[in-house]
Amino acid sequence: MTVTIYHNPRCSKSRGTLALLRERGIEPLVIEYLTCPPSAEQLKQILSLLGMSPRELLRRKEAKETGLDDPNLSDQELIAGMVANPVVIERPIVIKDGKAALGRPPEKVLGIL
């Protein structure tokens, strides 16, 4: 069983989700996505697992700051922008056995464990 968390150590929700996993005896593969962002293909896969559109996975404030809040941008353009500016990606994202959950709040990831 491999569990992966796309993690930002400066984010309280991300730290809380990581702690929740570890409290349950799960030592996940931790990907600090700000320094090691997912590729466009990986991001498409993550979005598919989450059942979300790229726009739904955008952090509003950061999207506005980077110009990715433009309603005319296509999904492909949003994904390219997310790869180039990973700070706009909502976090944390936990993946296990072909399922994914956004840890907002952290307890939401329990449904895929």
PDB file of N, CA and C in Angstrom:
ATOM      1  N   MET A   1       0.842  -1.174   0.000  1.00  0.00           N
ATOM      2  CA  MET A   1       0.000   0.000   0.000  1.00  0.00           C
ATOM      3  C   MET A   1       0.888   1.238   0.000  1.00  0.00           C
ATOM      4  N   THR A   2       0.839   2.000  -1.079  1.00  0.00           N
ATOM      5  CA  THR A   2       1.581   3.249  -1.146  1.00  0.00           C
ATOM      6  C   THR A   2       0.597   4.396  -1.022  1.00  0.00           C
ATOM      7  N   VAL A   3       0.897   5.278  -0.114  1.00  0.00           N
ATOM      8  CA  VAL A   3       0.114   6.498   0.059  1.00  0.00           C
ATOM      9  C   VAL A   3       1.051   7.655  -0.272  1.00  0.00           C
ATOM     10  N   THR A   4       0.561   8.566  -1.084  1.00  0.00           N
ATOM     11  CA  THR A   4       1.338   9.740  -1.484  1.00  0.00           C
ATOM     12  C   THR A   4       0.603  10.981  -1.028  1.00  0.00           C
ATOM     13  N   ILE A   5       1.350  11.945  -0.521  1.00  0.00           N
ATOM     14  CA  ILE A   5       0.770  13.241  -0.161  1.00  0.00           C
ATOM     15  C   ILE A   5       1.536  14.340  -0.879  1.00  0.00           C
ATOM     16  N   TYR A   6       0.791  15.177  -1.606  1.00  0.00           N
ATOM     17  CA  TYR A   6       1.352  16.392  -2.173  1.00  0.00           C
ATOM     18  C   TYR A   6       1.241  17.426  -1.067  1.00  0.00           C
ATOM     19  N   HIS A   7       2.385  17.815  -0.536  1.00  0.00           N
ATOM     20  CA  HIS A   7       2.479  18.489   0.752  1.00  0.00           C
ATOM     21  C   HIS A   7       3.175  19.836   0.648  1.00  0.00           C
ATOM     22  N   ASN A   8       2.671  20.780   1.450  1.00  0.00           N
ATOM     23  CA  ASN A   8       3.335  22.064   1.638  1.00  0.00           C
ATOM     24  C   ASN A   8       3.568  22.191   3.142  1.00  0.00           C
ATOM     25  N   PRO A   9       4.805  22.078   3.610  1.00  0.00           N
ATOM     26  CA  PRO A   9       5.074  22.101   5.043  1.00  0.00           C
ATOM     27  C   PRO A   9       4.695  23.416   5.728  1.00  0.00           C
ATOM     28  N   ARG A  10       4.467  24.482   4.969  1.00  0.00           N
ATOM     29  CA  ARG A  10       4.071  25.760   5.565  1.00  0.00           C
ATOM     30  C   ARG A  10       2.552  25.858   5.762  1.00  0.00           C
ATOM     31  N   CYS A  11       1.805  24.890   5.254  1.00  0.00           N
ATOM     32  CA  CYS A  11       0.344  24.916   5.314  1.00  0.00           C
ATOM     33  C   CYS A  11      -0.147  24.092   6.507  1.00  0.00           C
ATOM     34  N   SER A  12      -0.967  24.693   7.357  1.00  0.00           N
ATOM     35  CA  SER A  12      -1.455  23.984   8.543  1.00  0.00           C
ATOM     36  C   SER A  12      -2.335  22.782   8.173  1.00  0.00           C
ATOM     37  N   LYS A  13      -3.144  22.903   7.136  1.00  0.00           N
ATOM     38  CA  LYS A  13      -3.994  21.767   6.716  1.00  0.00           C
ATOM     39  C   LYS A  13      -3.126  20.623   6.194  1.00  0.00           C
ATOM     40  N   SER A  14      -2.080  20.968   5.493  1.00  0.00           N
ATOM     41  CA  SER A  14      -1.170  19.960   4.961  1.00  0.00           C
ATOM     42  C   SER A  14      -0.415  19.268   6.099  1.00  0.00           C
ATOM     43  N   ARG A  15       0.073  20.044   7.045  1.00  0.00           N
ATOM     44  CA  ARG A  15       0.761  19.456   8.204  1.00  0.00           C
ATOM     45  C   ARG A  15      -0.207  18.580   9.004  1.00  0.00           C
ATOM     46  N   GLY A  16      -1.434  19.047   9.161  1.00  0.00           N
ATOM     47  CA  GLY A  16      -2.431  18.278   9.903  1.00  0.00           C
ATOM     48  C   GLY A  16      -2.774  16.974   9.217  1.00  0.00           C
ATOM     49  N   THR A  17      -2.860  17.000   7.896  1.00  0.00           N
ATOM     50  CA  THR A  17      -3.152  15.775   7.138  1.00  0.00           C
ATOM     51  C   THR A  17      -2.007  14.792   7.246  1.00  0.00           C
ATOM     52  N   LEU A  18      -0.776  15.276   7.137  1.00  0.00           N
ATOM     53  CA  LEU A  18       0.386  14.409   7.277  1.00  0.00           C
ATOM     54  C   LEU A  18       0.426  13.794   8.675  1.00  0.00           C
ATOM     55  N   ALA A  19       0.146  14.587   9.695  1.00  0.00           N
ATOM     56  CA  ALA A  19       0.113  14.067  11.068  1.00  0.00           C
ATOM     57  C   ALA A  19      -0.982  13.023  11.229  1.00  0.00           C
ATOM     58  N   LEU A  20      -2.136  13.257  10.637  1.00  0.00           N
ATOM     59  CA  LEU A  20      -3.250  12.309  10.705  1.00  0.00           C
ATOM     60  C   LEU A  20      -2.854  10.960  10.101  1.00  0.00           C
ATOM     61  N   LEU A  21      -2.174  11.001   8.959  1.00  0.00           N
ATOM     62  CA  LEU A  21      -1.708   9.758   8.326  1.00  0.00           C
ATOM     63  C   LEU A  21      -0.736   9.030   9.242  1.00  0.00           C
ATOM     64  N   ARG A  22       0.218   9.767   9.770  1.00  0.00           N
ATOM     65  CA  ARG A  22       1.245   9.155  10.622  1.00  0.00           C
ATOM     66  C   ARG A  22       0.658   8.615  11.920  1.00  0.00           C
ATOM     67  N   GLU A  23      -0.348   9.280  12.456  1.00  0.00           N
ATOM     68  CA  GLU A  23      -1.022   8.784  13.669  1.00  0.00           C
ATOM     69  C   GLU A  23      -1.687   7.429  13.421  1.00  0.00           C
ATOM     70  N   ARG A  24      -2.017   7.167  12.177  1.00  0.00           N
ATOM     71  CA  ARG A  24      -2.636   5.891  11.804  1.00  0.00           C
ATOM     72  C   ARG A  24      -1.614   4.874  11.314  1.00  0.00           C
ATOM     73  N   GLY A  25      -0.351   5.159  11.546  1.00  0.00           N
ATOM     74  CA  GLY A  25       0.712   4.224  11.184  1.00  0.00           C
ATOM     75  C   GLY A  25       1.067   4.227   9.713  1.00  0.00           C
ATOM     76  N   ILE A  26       0.662   5.244   9.000  1.00  0.00           N
ATOM     77  CA  ILE A  26       0.942   5.343   7.562  1.00  0.00           C
ATOM     78  C   ILE A  26       2.087   6.331   7.357  1.00  0.00           C
ATOM     79  N   GLU A  27       3.164   5.863   6.753  1.00  0.00           N
ATOM     80  CA  GLU A  27       4.279   6.745   6.412  1.00  0.00           C
ATOM     81  C   GLU A  27       4.212   6.959   4.896  1.00  0.00           C
ATOM     82  N   PRO A  28       3.611   8.071   4.477  1.00  0.00           N
ATOM     83  CA  PRO A  28       3.404   8.291   3.048  1.00  0.00           C
ATOM     84  C   PRO A  28       4.661   8.752   2.324  1.00  0.00           C
ATOM     85  N   LEU A  29       4.618   8.616   1.018  1.00  0.00           N
ATOM     86  CA  LEU A  29       5.603   9.261   0.165  1.00  0.00           C
ATOM     87  C   LEU A  29       5.225  10.735   0.166  1.00  0.00           C
ATOM     88  N   VAL A  30       6.116  11.586   0.639  1.00  0.00           N
ATOM     89  CA  VAL A  30       5.835  13.017   0.753  1.00  0.00           C
ATOM     90  C   VAL A  30       6.462  13.737  -0.434  1.00  0.00           C
ATOM     91  N   ILE A  31       5.619  14.398  -1.206  1.00  0.00           N
ATOM     92  CA  ILE A  31       6.094  15.191  -2.331  1.00  0.00           C
ATOM     93  C   ILE A  31       5.827  16.654  -1.996  1.00  0.00           C
ATOM     94  N   GLU A  32       6.898  17.394  -1.788  1.00  0.00           N
ATOM     95  CA  GLU A  32       6.755  18.828  -1.550  1.00  0.00           C
ATOM     96  C   GLU A  32       6.579  19.473  -2.922  1.00  0.00           C
ATOM     97  N   TYR A  33       5.316  19.642  -3.296  1.00  0.00           N
ATOM     98  CA  TYR A  33       4.985  20.009  -4.667  1.00  0.00           C
ATOM     99  C   TYR A  33       5.441  21.419  -5.073  1.00  0.00           C
ATOM    100  N   LEU A  34       5.784  22.255  -4.125  1.00  0.00           N
ATOM    101  CA  LEU A  34       6.281  23.578  -4.504  1.00  0.00           C
ATOM    102  C   LEU A  34       7.698  23.494  -5.071  1.00  0.00           C
ATOM    103  N   THR A  35       8.476  22.524  -4.598  1.00  0.00           N
ATOM    104  CA  THR A  35       9.838  22.337  -5.108  1.00  0.00           C
ATOM    105  C   THR A  35       9.906  21.225  -6.148  1.00  0.00           C
ATOM    106  N   CYS A  36       8.914  20.353  -6.157  1.00  0.00           N
ATOM    107  CA  CYS A  36       8.866  19.246  -7.122  1.00  0.00           C
ATOM    108  C   CYS A  36       7.432  19.141  -7.663  1.00  0.00           C
ATOM    109  N   PRO A  37       7.035  20.107  -8.502  1.00  0.00           N
ATOM    110  CA  PRO A  37       5.645  20.140  -8.966  1.00  0.00           C
ATOM    111  C   PRO A  37       5.317  18.963  -9.884  1.00  0.00           C
ATOM    112  N   PRO A  38       4.039  18.563  -9.895  1.00  0.00           N
ATOM    113  CA  PRO A  38       3.640  17.500 -10.810  1.00  0.00           C
ATOM    114  C   PRO A  38       3.734  17.986 -12.254  1.00  0.00           C
ATOM    115  N   SER A  39       3.958  17.044 -13.158  1.00  0.00           N
ATOM    116  CA  SER A  39       3.945  17.377 -14.585  1.00  0.00           C
ATOM    117  C   SER A  39       2.491  17.583 -15.014  1.00  0.00           C
ATOM    118  N   ALA A  40       2.302  18.053 -16.229  1.00  0.00           N
ATOM    119  CA  ALA A  40       0.945  18.242 -16.747  1.00  0.00           C
ATOM    120  C   ALA A  40       0.206  16.901 -16.761  1.00  0.00           C
ATOM    121  N   GLU A  41       0.877  15.841 -17.171  1.00  0.00           N
ATOM    122  CA  GLU A  41       0.227  14.518 -17.200  1.00  0.00           C
ATOM    123  C   GLU A  41      -0.119  14.046 -15.797  1.00  0.00           C
ATOM    124  N   GLN A  42       0.787  14.231 -14.852  1.00  0.00           N
ATOM    125  CA  GLN A  42       0.496  13.840 -13.470  1.00  0.00           C
ATOM    126  C   GLN A  42      -0.669  14.645 -12.914  1.00  0.00           C
ATOM    127  N   LEU A  43      -0.698  15.930 -13.220  1.00  0.00           N
ATOM    128  CA  LEU A  43      -1.775  16.784 -12.729  1.00  0.00           C
ATOM    129  C   LEU A  43      -3.115  16.374 -13.342  1.00  0.00           C
ATOM    130  N   LYS A  44      -3.117  16.020 -14.622  1.00  0.00           N
ATOM    131  CA  LYS A  44      -4.353  15.523 -15.250  1.00  0.00           C
ATOM    132  C   LYS A  44      -4.842  14.260 -14.549  1.00  0.00           C
ATOM    133  N   GLN A  45      -3.921  13.372 -14.213  1.00  0.00           N
ATOM    134  CA  GLN A  45      -4.278  12.134 -13.512  1.00  0.00           C
ATOM    135  C   GLN A  45      -4.837  12.441 -12.125  1.00  0.00           C
ATOM    136  N   ILE A  46      -4.194  13.347 -11.410  1.00  0.00           N
ATOM    137  CA  ILE A  46      -4.662  13.745 -10.074  1.00  0.00           C
ATOM    138  C   ILE A  46      -6.063  14.336 -10.163  1.00  0.00           C
ATOM    139  N   LEU A  47      -6.279  15.217 -11.124  1.00  0.00           N
ATOM    140  CA  LEU A  47      -7.596  15.824 -11.306  1.00  0.00           C
ATOM    141  C   LEU A  47      -8.652  14.761 -11.603  1.00  0.00           C
ATOM    142  N   SER A  48      -8.283  13.793 -12.426  1.00  0.00           N
ATOM    143  CA  SER A  48      -9.207  12.701 -12.742  1.00  0.00           C
ATOM    144  C   SER A  48      -9.563  11.907 -11.490  1.00  0.00           C
ATOM    145  N   LEU A  49      -8.554  11.581 -10.681  1.00  0.00           N
ATOM    146  CA  LEU A  49      -8.796  10.826  -9.444  1.00  0.00           C
ATOM    147  C   LEU A  49      -9.662  11.617  -8.461  1.00  0.00           C
ATOM    148  N   LEU A  50      -9.465  12.922  -8.438  1.00  0.00           N
ATOM    149  CA  LEU A  50     -10.244  13.782  -7.545  1.00  0.00           C
ATOM    150  C   LEU A  50     -11.655  14.043  -8.083  1.00  0.00           C
ATOM    151  N   GLY A  51     -11.830  13.840  -9.397  1.00  0.00           N
ATOM    152  CA  GLY A  51     -13.106  14.161 -10.020  1.00  0.00           C
ATOM    153  C   GLY A  51     -13.344  15.669 -10.061  1.00  0.00           C
ATOM    154  N   MET A  52     -12.268  16.411 -10.275  1.00  0.00           N
ATOM    155  CA  MET A  52     -12.337  17.873 -10.263  1.00  0.00           C
ATOM    156  C   MET A  52     -11.828  18.442 -11.580  1.00  0.00           C
ATOM    157  N   SER A  53     -12.268  19.649 -11.864  1.00  0.00           N
ATOM    158  CA  SER A  53     -11.718  20.390 -12.995  1.00  0.00           C
ATOM    159  C   SER A  53     -10.500  21.162 -12.503  1.00  0.00           C
ATOM    160  N   PRO A  54      -9.640  21.592 -13.420  1.00  0.00           N
ATOM    161  CA  PRO A  54      -8.489  22.392 -12.986  1.00  0.00           C
ATOM    162  C   PRO A  54      -8.914  23.635 -12.189  1.00  0.00           C
ATOM    163  N   ARG A  55      -9.975  24.285 -12.621  1.00  0.00           N
ATOM    164  CA  ARG A  55     -10.428  25.506 -11.940  1.00  0.00           C
ATOM    165  C   ARG A  55     -10.826  25.227 -10.488  1.00  0.00           C
ATOM    166  N   GLU A  56     -11.395  24.043 -10.225  1.00  0.00           N
ATOM    167  CA  GLU A  56     -11.812  23.682  -8.867  1.00  0.00           C
ATOM    168  C   GLU A  56     -10.622  23.452  -7.937  1.00  0.00           C
ATOM    169  N   LEU A  57      -9.456  23.165  -8.511  1.00  0.00           N
ATOM    170  CA  LEU A  57      -8.272  22.879  -7.703  1.00  0.00           C
ATOM    171  C   LEU A  57      -7.375  24.111  -7.527  1.00  0.00           C
ATOM    172  N   LEU A  58      -7.832  25.245  -8.007  1.00  0.00           N
ATOM    173  CA  LEU A  58      -7.064  26.483  -7.877  1.00  0.00           C
ATOM    174  C   LEU A  58      -7.310  27.157  -6.533  1.00  0.00           C
ATOM    175  N   ARG A  59      -6.255  27.643  -5.949  1.00  0.00           N
ATOM    176  CA  ARG A  59      -6.365  28.496  -4.767  1.00  0.00           C
ATOM    177  C   ARG A  59      -6.699  29.897  -5.288  1.00  0.00           C
ATOM    178  N   ARG A  60      -7.789  30.458  -4.821  1.00  0.00           N
ATOM    179  CA  ARG A  60      -8.317  31.713  -5.390  1.00  0.00           C
ATOM    180  C   ARG A  60      -7.336  32.882  -5.338  1.00  0.00           C
ATOM    181  N   LYS A  61      -6.788  33.136  -4.170  1.00  0.00           N
ATOM    182  CA  LYS A  61      -5.899  34.294  -4.014  1.00  0.00           C
ATOM    183  C   LYS A  61      -4.676  34.154  -4.917  1.00  0.00           C
ATOM    184  N   GLU A  62      -4.063  32.981  -4.886  1.00  0.00           N
ATOM    185  CA  GLU A  62      -2.856  32.751  -5.680  1.00  0.00           C
ATOM    186  C   GLU A  62      -3.174  32.749  -7.179  1.00  0.00           C
ATOM    187  N   ALA A  63      -4.343  32.233  -7.547  1.00  0.00           N
ATOM    188  CA  ALA A  63      -4.741  32.245  -8.958  1.00  0.00           C
ATOM    189  C   ALA A  63      -4.884  33.683  -9.449  1.00  0.00           C
ATOM    190  N   LYS A  64      -5.461  34.529  -8.622  1.00  0.00           N
ATOM    191  CA  LYS A  64      -5.619  35.938  -8.996  1.00  0.00           C
ATOM    192  C   LYS A  64      -4.255  36.605  -9.151  1.00  0.00           C
ATOM    193  N   GLU A  65      -3.352  36.301  -8.216  1.00  0.00           N
ATOM    194  CA  GLU A  65      -2.018  36.907  -8.253  1.00  0.00           C
ATOM    195  C   GLU A  65      -1.223  36.490  -9.486  1.00  0.00           C
ATOM    196  N   THR A  66      -1.509  35.306 -10.014  1.00  0.00           N
ATOM    197  CA  THR A  66      -0.764  34.797 -11.170  1.00  0.00           C
ATOM    198  C   THR A  66      -1.522  34.945 -12.491  1.00  0.00           C
ATOM    199  N   GLY A  67      -2.723  35.516 -12.434  1.00  0.00           N
ATOM    200  CA  GLY A  67      -3.515  35.687 -13.650  1.00  0.00           C
ATOM    201  C   GLY A  67      -4.268  34.449 -14.085  1.00  0.00           C
ATOM    202  N   LEU A  68      -4.249  33.409 -13.262  1.00  0.00           N
ATOM    203  CA  LEU A  68      -4.941  32.175 -13.620  1.00  0.00           C
ATOM    204  C   LEU A  68      -6.423  32.195 -13.236  1.00  0.00           C
ATOM    205  N   ASP A  69      -6.902  33.336 -12.775  1.00  0.00           N
ATOM    206  CA  ASP A  69      -8.322  33.461 -12.458  1.00  0.00           C
ATOM    207  C   ASP A  69      -9.135  33.919 -13.672  1.00  0.00           C
ATOM    208  N   ASP A  70      -8.484  34.086 -14.810  1.00  0.00           N
ATOM    209  CA  ASP A  70      -9.156  34.509 -16.042  1.00  0.00           C
ATOM    210  C   ASP A  70     -10.165  33.436 -16.464  1.00  0.00           C
ATOM    211  N   PRO A  71     -11.454  33.763 -16.513  1.00  0.00           N
ATOM    212  CA  PRO A  71     -12.472  32.764 -16.848  1.00  0.00           C
ATOM    213  C   PRO A  71     -12.386  32.256 -18.286  1.00  0.00           C
ATOM    214  N   ASN A  72     -11.602  32.924 -19.121  1.00  0.00           N
ATOM    215  CA  ASN A  72     -11.466  32.513 -20.521  1.00  0.00           C
ATOM    216  C   ASN A  72     -10.378  31.470 -20.744  1.00  0.00           C
ATOM    217  N   LEU A  73      -9.606  31.159 -19.703  1.00  0.00           N
ATOM    218  CA  LEU A  73      -8.537  30.171 -19.859  1.00  0.00           C
ATOM    219  C   LEU A  73      -9.130  28.773 -19.998  1.00  0.00           C
ATOM    220  N   SER A  74      -8.566  27.997 -20.909  1.00  0.00           N
ATOM    221  CA  SER A  74      -9.007  26.607 -21.104  1.00  0.00           C
ATOM    222  C   SER A  74      -8.413  25.721 -20.010  1.00  0.00           C
ATOM    223  N   ASP A  75      -8.926  24.508 -19.898  1.00  0.00           N
ATOM    224  CA  ASP A  75      -8.369  23.559 -18.935  1.00  0.00           C
ATOM    225  C   ASP A  75      -6.884  23.325 -19.204  1.00  0.00           C
ATOM    226  N   GLN A  76      -6.505  23.214 -20.468  1.00  0.00           N
ATOM    227  CA  GLN A  76      -5.100  22.993 -20.822  1.00  0.00           C
ATOM    228  C   GLN A  76      -4.242  24.167 -20.374  1.00  0.00           C
ATOM    229  N   GLU A  77      -4.740  25.379 -20.564  1.00  0.00           N
ATOM    230  CA  GLU A  77      -3.999  26.564 -20.146  1.00  0.00           C
ATOM    231  C   GLU A  77      -3.898  26.626 -18.623  1.00  0.00           C
ATOM    232  N   LEU A  78      -4.969  26.248 -17.938  1.00  0.00           N
ATOM    233  CA  LEU A  78      -4.934  26.235 -16.476  1.00  0.00           C
ATOM    234  C   LEU A  78      -3.930  25.213 -15.963  1.00  0.00           C
ATOM    235  N   ILE A  79      -3.932  24.026 -16.561  1.00  0.00           N
ATOM    236  CA  ILE A  79      -2.986  22.985 -16.146  1.00  0.00           C
ATOM    237  C   ILE A  79      -1.554  23.447 -16.379  1.00  0.00           C
ATOM    238  N   ALA A  80      -1.290  24.042 -17.524  1.00  0.00           N
ATOM    239  CA  ALA A  80       0.058  24.564 -17.796  1.00  0.00           C
ATOM    240  C   ALA A  80       0.430  25.624 -16.766  1.00  0.00           C
ATOM    241  N   GLY A  81      -0.513  26.481 -16.424  1.00  0.00           N
ATOM    242  CA  GLY A  81      -0.263  27.505 -15.415  1.00  0.00           C
ATOM    243  C   GLY A  81      -0.028  26.923 -14.037  1.00  0.00           C
ATOM    244  N   MET A  82      -0.731  25.841 -13.712  1.00  0.00           N
ATOM    245  CA  MET A  82      -0.556  25.181 -12.422  1.00  0.00           C
ATOM    246  C   MET A  82       0.820  24.522 -12.324  1.00  0.00           C
ATOM    247  N   VAL A  83       1.268  23.947 -13.416  1.00  0.00           N
ATOM    248  CA  VAL A  83       2.595  23.324 -13.433  1.00  0.00           C
ATOM    249  C   VAL A  83       3.673  24.401 -13.287  1.00  0.00           C
ATOM    250  N   ALA A  84       3.493  25.518 -13.979  1.00  0.00           N
ATOM    251  CA  ALA A  84       4.470  26.608 -13.927  1.00  0.00           C
ATOM    252  C   ALA A  84       4.433  27.365 -12.601  1.00  0.00           C
ATOM    253  N   ASN A  85       3.264  27.376 -11.948  1.00  0.00           N
ATOM    254  CA  ASN A  85       3.067  28.116 -10.689  1.00  0.00           C
ATOM    255  C   ASN A  85       2.401  27.192  -9.668  1.00  0.00           C
ATOM    256  N   PRO A  86       3.110  26.189  -9.151  1.00  0.00           N
ATOM    257  CA  PRO A  86       2.461  25.201  -8.287  1.00  0.00           C
ATOM    258  C   PRO A  86       1.829  25.781  -7.027  1.00  0.00           C
ATOM    259  N   VAL A  87       2.174  27.003  -6.653  1.00  0.00           N
ATOM    260  CA  VAL A  87       1.581  27.632  -5.476  1.00  0.00           C
ATOM    261  C   VAL A  87       0.061  27.776  -5.640  1.00  0.00           C
ATOM    262  N   VAL A  88      -0.439  27.751  -6.869  1.00  0.00           N
ATOM    263  CA  VAL A  88      -1.880  27.905  -7.090  1.00  0.00           C
ATOM    264  C   VAL A  88      -2.661  26.614  -6.849  1.00  0.00           C
ATOM    265  N   ILE A  89      -1.969  25.493  -6.690  1.00  0.00           N
ATOM    266  CA  ILE A  89      -2.634  24.197  -6.503  1.00  0.00           C
ATOM    267  C   ILE A  89      -3.094  24.064  -5.055  1.00  0.00           C
ATOM    268  N   GLU A  90      -4.371  23.740  -4.881  1.00  0.00           N
ATOM    269  CA  GLU A  90      -4.912  23.524  -3.539  1.00  0.00           C
ATOM    270  C   GLU A  90      -4.235  22.306  -2.925  1.00  0.00           C
ATOM    271  N   ARG A  91      -4.085  22.342  -1.617  1.00  0.00           N
ATOM    272  CA  ARG A  91      -3.384  21.256  -0.926  1.00  0.00           C
ATOM    273  C   ARG A  91      -4.023  20.971   0.403  1.00  0.00           C
ATOM    274  N   PRO A  92      -3.662  19.851   0.998  1.00  0.00           N
ATOM    275  CA  PRO A  92      -2.848  18.739   0.500  1.00  0.00           C
ATOM    276  C   PRO A  92      -3.700  17.771  -0.313  1.00  0.00           C
ATOM    277  N   ILE A  93      -3.053  17.036  -1.164  1.00  0.00           N
ATOM    278  CA  ILE A  93      -3.717  15.996  -1.946  1.00  0.00           C
ATOM    279  C   ILE A  93      -3.105  14.673  -1.528  1.00  0.00           C
ATOM    280  N   VAL A  94      -3.961  13.716  -1.180  1.00  0.00           N
ATOM    281  CA  VAL A  94      -3.502  12.386  -0.787  1.00  0.00           C
ATOM    282  C   VAL A  94      -4.019  11.388  -1.822  1.00  0.00           C
ATOM    283  N   ILE A  95      -3.130  10.482  -2.236  1.00  0.00           N
ATOM    284  CA  ILE A  95      -3.473   9.467  -3.232  1.00  0.00           C
ATOM    285  C   ILE A  95      -3.144   8.091  -2.672  1.00  0.00           C
ATOM    286  N   LYS A  96      -4.088   7.173  -2.856  1.00  0.00           N
ATOM    287  CA  LYS A  96      -3.879   5.785  -2.435  1.00  0.00           C
ATOM    288  C   LYS A  96      -4.706   4.869  -3.326  1.00  0.00           C
ATOM    289  N   ASP A  97      -4.054   3.874  -3.899  1.00  0.00           N
ATOM    290  CA  ASP A  97      -4.733   2.829  -4.682  1.00  0.00           C
ATOM    291  C   ASP A  97      -5.729   3.378  -5.699  1.00  0.00           C
ATOM    292  N   GLY A  98      -5.305   4.351  -6.477  1.00  0.00           N
ATOM    293  CA  GLY A  98      -6.164   4.869  -7.529  1.00  0.00           C
ATOM    294  C   GLY A  98      -7.291   5.770  -7.052  1.00  0.00           C
ATOM    295  N   LYS A  99      -7.204   6.221  -5.818  1.00  0.00           N
ATOM    296  CA  LYS A  99      -8.181   7.160  -5.275  1.00  0.00           C
ATOM    297  C   LYS A  99      -7.430   8.363  -4.739  1.00  0.00           C
ATOM    298  N   ALA A 100      -8.099   9.502  -4.742  1.00  0.00           N
ATOM    299  CA  ALA A 100      -7.463  10.718  -4.241  1.00  0.00           C
ATOM    300  C   ALA A 100      -8.468  11.519  -3.433  1.00  0.00           C
ATOM    301  N   ALA A 101      -7.936  12.299  -2.501  1.00  0.00           N
ATOM    302  CA  ALA A 101      -8.765  13.183  -1.685  1.00  0.00           C
ATOM    303  C   ALA A 101      -7.980  14.439  -1.361  1.00  0.00           C
ATOM    304  N   LEU A 102      -8.707  15.525  -1.285  1.00  0.00           N
ATOM    305  CA  LEU A 102      -8.144  16.803  -0.872  1.00  0.00           C
ATOM    306  C   LEU A 102      -8.342  16.915   0.633  1.00  0.00           C
ATOM    307  N   GLY A 103      -7.262  17.134   1.357  1.00  0.00           N
ATOM    308  CA  GLY A 103      -7.315  17.162   2.819  1.00  0.00           C
ATOM    309  C   GLY A 103      -7.784  18.480   3.392  1.00  0.00           C
ATOM    310  N   ARG A 104      -8.942  18.924   2.990  1.00  0.00           N
ATOM    311  CA  ARG A 104      -9.532  20.159   3.507  1.00  0.00           C
ATOM    312  C   ARG A 104     -10.955  19.861   3.905  1.00  0.00           C
ATOM    313  N   PRO A 105     -11.215  19.532   5.144  1.00  0.00           N
ATOM    314  CA  PRO A 105     -10.287  19.389   6.264  1.00  0.00           C
ATOM    315  C   PRO A 105      -9.509  18.079   6.171  1.00  0.00           C
ATOM    316  N   PRO A 106      -8.475  17.915   7.002  1.00  0.00           N
ATOM    317  CA  PRO A 106      -7.627  16.728   6.936  1.00  0.00           C
ATOM    318  C   PRO A 106      -8.418  15.409   7.002  1.00  0.00           C
ATOM    319  N   GLU A 107      -9.486  15.359   7.750  1.00  0.00           N
ATOM    320  CA  GLU A 107     -10.254  14.127   7.910  1.00  0.00           C
ATOM    321  C   GLU A 107     -10.876  13.620   6.622  1.00  0.00           C
ATOM    322  N   LYS A 108     -10.954  14.475   5.599  1.00  0.00           N
ATOM    323  CA  LYS A 108     -11.518  14.042   4.322  1.00  0.00           C
ATOM    324  C   LYS A 108     -10.702  12.923   3.669  1.00  0.00           C
ATOM    325  N   VAL A 109      -9.423  12.819   4.009  1.00  0.00           N
ATOM    326  CA  VAL A 109      -8.594  11.778   3.387  1.00  0.00           C
ATOM    327  C   VAL A 109      -8.893  10.392   3.975  1.00  0.00           C
ATOM    328  N   LEU A 110      -9.538  10.336   5.118  1.00  0.00           N
ATOM    329  CA  LEU A 110      -9.827   9.035   5.741  1.00  0.00           C
ATOM    330  C   LEU A 110     -10.704   8.157   4.855  1.00  0.00           C
ATOM    331  N   GLY A 111     -11.515   8.762   4.020  1.00  0.00           N
ATOM    332  CA  GLY A 111     -12.390   8.006   3.130  1.00  0.00           C
ATOM    333  C   GLY A 111     -11.689   7.175   2.082  1.00  0.00           C
ATOM    334  N   ILE A 112     -10.430   7.474   1.797  1.00  0.00           N
ATOM    335  CA  ILE A 112      -9.710   6.686   0.782  1.00  0.00           C
ATOM    336  C   ILE A 112      -8.696   5.729   1.392  1.00  0.00           C
ATOM    337  N   LEU A 113      -8.553   5.749   2.703  1.00  0.00           N
ATOM    338  CA  LEU A 113      -7.536   4.900   3.351  1.00  0.00           C
ATOM    339  C   LEU A 113      -8.031   3.488   3.584  1.00  0.00           C
TER     340      LEU A 113
END
